[in-house]
Protein backbone atom coordinates (compact mmCIF):
# COMPACT_ATOMS: atom_id res chain seq x y z
CA MET A 1 -2.17 -2.66 24.17
CA GLU A 2 -5.45 -1.14 25.17
CA TYR A 3 -8.31 -0.33 22.80
CA ARG A 4 -11.46 1.77 23.13
CA ILE A 5 -14.05 2.94 20.61
CA ILE A 6 -16.11 6.05 21.28
CA LYS A 7 -19.24 6.20 19.12
CA SER A 8 -20.67 9.67 18.52
CA PRO A 9 -17.97 11.45 20.54
CA SER A 10 -19.06 14.62 22.30
CA LYS A 11 -17.68 18.01 21.31
CA GLY A 12 -15.74 18.12 24.58
CA THR A 13 -14.12 14.75 23.89
CA LEU A 14 -13.12 15.86 20.40
CA ASP A 15 -11.75 19.13 21.84
CA ILE A 16 -9.54 17.15 24.25
CA LEU A 17 -8.20 14.99 21.43
CA PHE A 18 -7.59 17.90 19.05
CA ARG A 19 -5.73 19.83 21.78
CA ARG A 20 -3.50 16.81 22.39
CA LYS A 21 -2.76 15.99 18.74
CA GLY A 22 0.95 15.75 18.09
CA SER A 23 0.97 17.91 14.95
CA ALA A 24 -1.20 19.51 12.30
CA SER A 25 -3.29 17.01 10.34
CA THR A 26 -2.05 16.05 6.91
CA SER A 27 -5.52 14.69 6.07
CA PRO A 28 -8.78 16.47 6.82
CA ILE A 29 -10.68 15.07 9.80
CA GLU A 30 -14.29 15.73 8.87
CA ASP A 31 -16.33 12.65 9.74
CA ASN A 32 -16.07 12.14 13.50
CA ASP A 33 -18.82 9.57 13.76
CA ALA A 34 -16.48 7.48 15.92
CA VAL A 35 -13.00 7.60 17.43
CA GLY A 36 -10.89 4.55 18.15
CA LEU A 37 -8.21 4.94 20.81
CA VAL A 38 -5.23 2.59 20.94
CA GLN A 39 -2.47 2.87 23.53
CA GLY A 40 0.82 1.02 23.66
CA ARG A 41 4.53 1.16 22.89
CA LEU A 42 5.75 3.45 20.11
CA ILE A 43 6.78 0.61 17.80
CA ASP A 44 3.34 -0.98 18.17
CA MET A 45 1.50 2.31 17.61
CA VAL A 46 3.33 2.99 14.34
CA PHE A 47 2.49 -0.55 13.22
CA ALA A 48 -1.14 -0.12 14.35
CA ALA A 49 -1.48 3.21 12.53
CA ASP A 50 -0.28 1.62 9.30
CA ILE A 51 -2.69 -1.31 9.70
CA ALA A 52 -5.64 0.99 10.44
CA GLU A 53 -5.08 3.28 7.47
CA LYS A 54 -4.67 0.32 5.09
CA ALA A 55 -7.72 -1.52 6.47
CA ALA A 56 -10.35 1.22 6.32
CA GLY A 57 -11.00 4.80 5.26
CA VAL A 58 -9.82 6.35 8.52
CA VAL A 59 -7.48 9.14 9.60
CA VAL A 60 -4.94 8.29 12.32
CA GLU A 61 -3.38 10.92 14.58
CA ASP A 62 -0.88 10.61 17.41
CA ILE A 63 -2.12 11.92 20.75
CA LYS A 64 0.36 13.47 23.19
CA GLY A 65 0.20 12.63 26.86
CA GLN A 66 2.30 12.52 30.01
CA CYS A 67 3.06 8.85 30.58
CA PRO A 68 5.99 7.68 32.70
CA GLN A 69 5.77 4.19 31.17
CA ASN A 70 6.63 5.58 27.69
CA LEU A 71 3.29 4.53 26.25
CA ILE A 72 1.70 6.56 23.50
CA MET A 73 -1.78 6.74 22.07
CA ILE A 74 -3.20 7.05 18.59
CA ALA A 75 -6.70 8.20 17.69
CA ILE A 76 -8.46 6.67 14.70
CA PHE A 77 -11.10 9.00 13.25
CA GLY A 78 -13.83 7.93 10.84
CA ASP A 79 -17.31 6.55 10.54
CA THR A 80 -18.29 3.88 13.05
CA ALA A 81 -17.96 0.91 10.67
CA ALA A 82 -14.52 2.03 9.45
CA VAL A 83 -13.19 2.62 12.97
CA GLU A 84 -14.50 -0.77 14.14
CA ALA A 85 -12.94 -2.47 11.10
CA ALA A 86 -9.61 -0.74 11.73
CA ILE A 87 -9.54 -1.80 15.41
CA LYS A 88 -10.47 -5.40 14.52
CA GLU A 89 -7.73 -5.54 11.88
CA ILE A 90 -5.17 -4.19 14.37
CA GLN A 91 -6.20 -6.84 16.90
CA TYR A 92 -6.06 -9.58 14.25
CA LYS A 93 -2.62 -8.57 12.93
CA PHE A 94 -1.13 -8.33 16.43
CA GLU A 95 -2.54 -11.74 17.37
CA SER A 96 -1.18 -13.18 14.12
CA SER A 97 2.26 -11.71 14.76
CA LYS A 98 2.34 -13.34 18.23
CA THR A 99 1.61 -16.76 16.75
CA GLY A 100 4.19 -16.33 13.99
CA ALA A 101 1.71 -16.25 11.10
CA ASN A 102 2.85 -14.45 7.96
CA LEU A 103 1.23 -11.07 7.45
């Protein structure tokens, strides 16, 4: 999996993400102080989305792309602290699952 956090994303960056969103948002995306991007396999992205939403007050959206390796990307929208907390929790839970720790 790959992770990136964009603090204070530009209007152009947000436009790219909103154009590539997989569907209409079920939750309003108002506070775009930061965007976390996570890319990986579908099973991992669904797991990561669940972790992120439970860990912090963020909105997670799937982002469509053209990837021959069947990787997908999710965008995590929220304030900087919430996005950072969500990404850290995703990293922690995936590391824990590799070592066999109970989640």
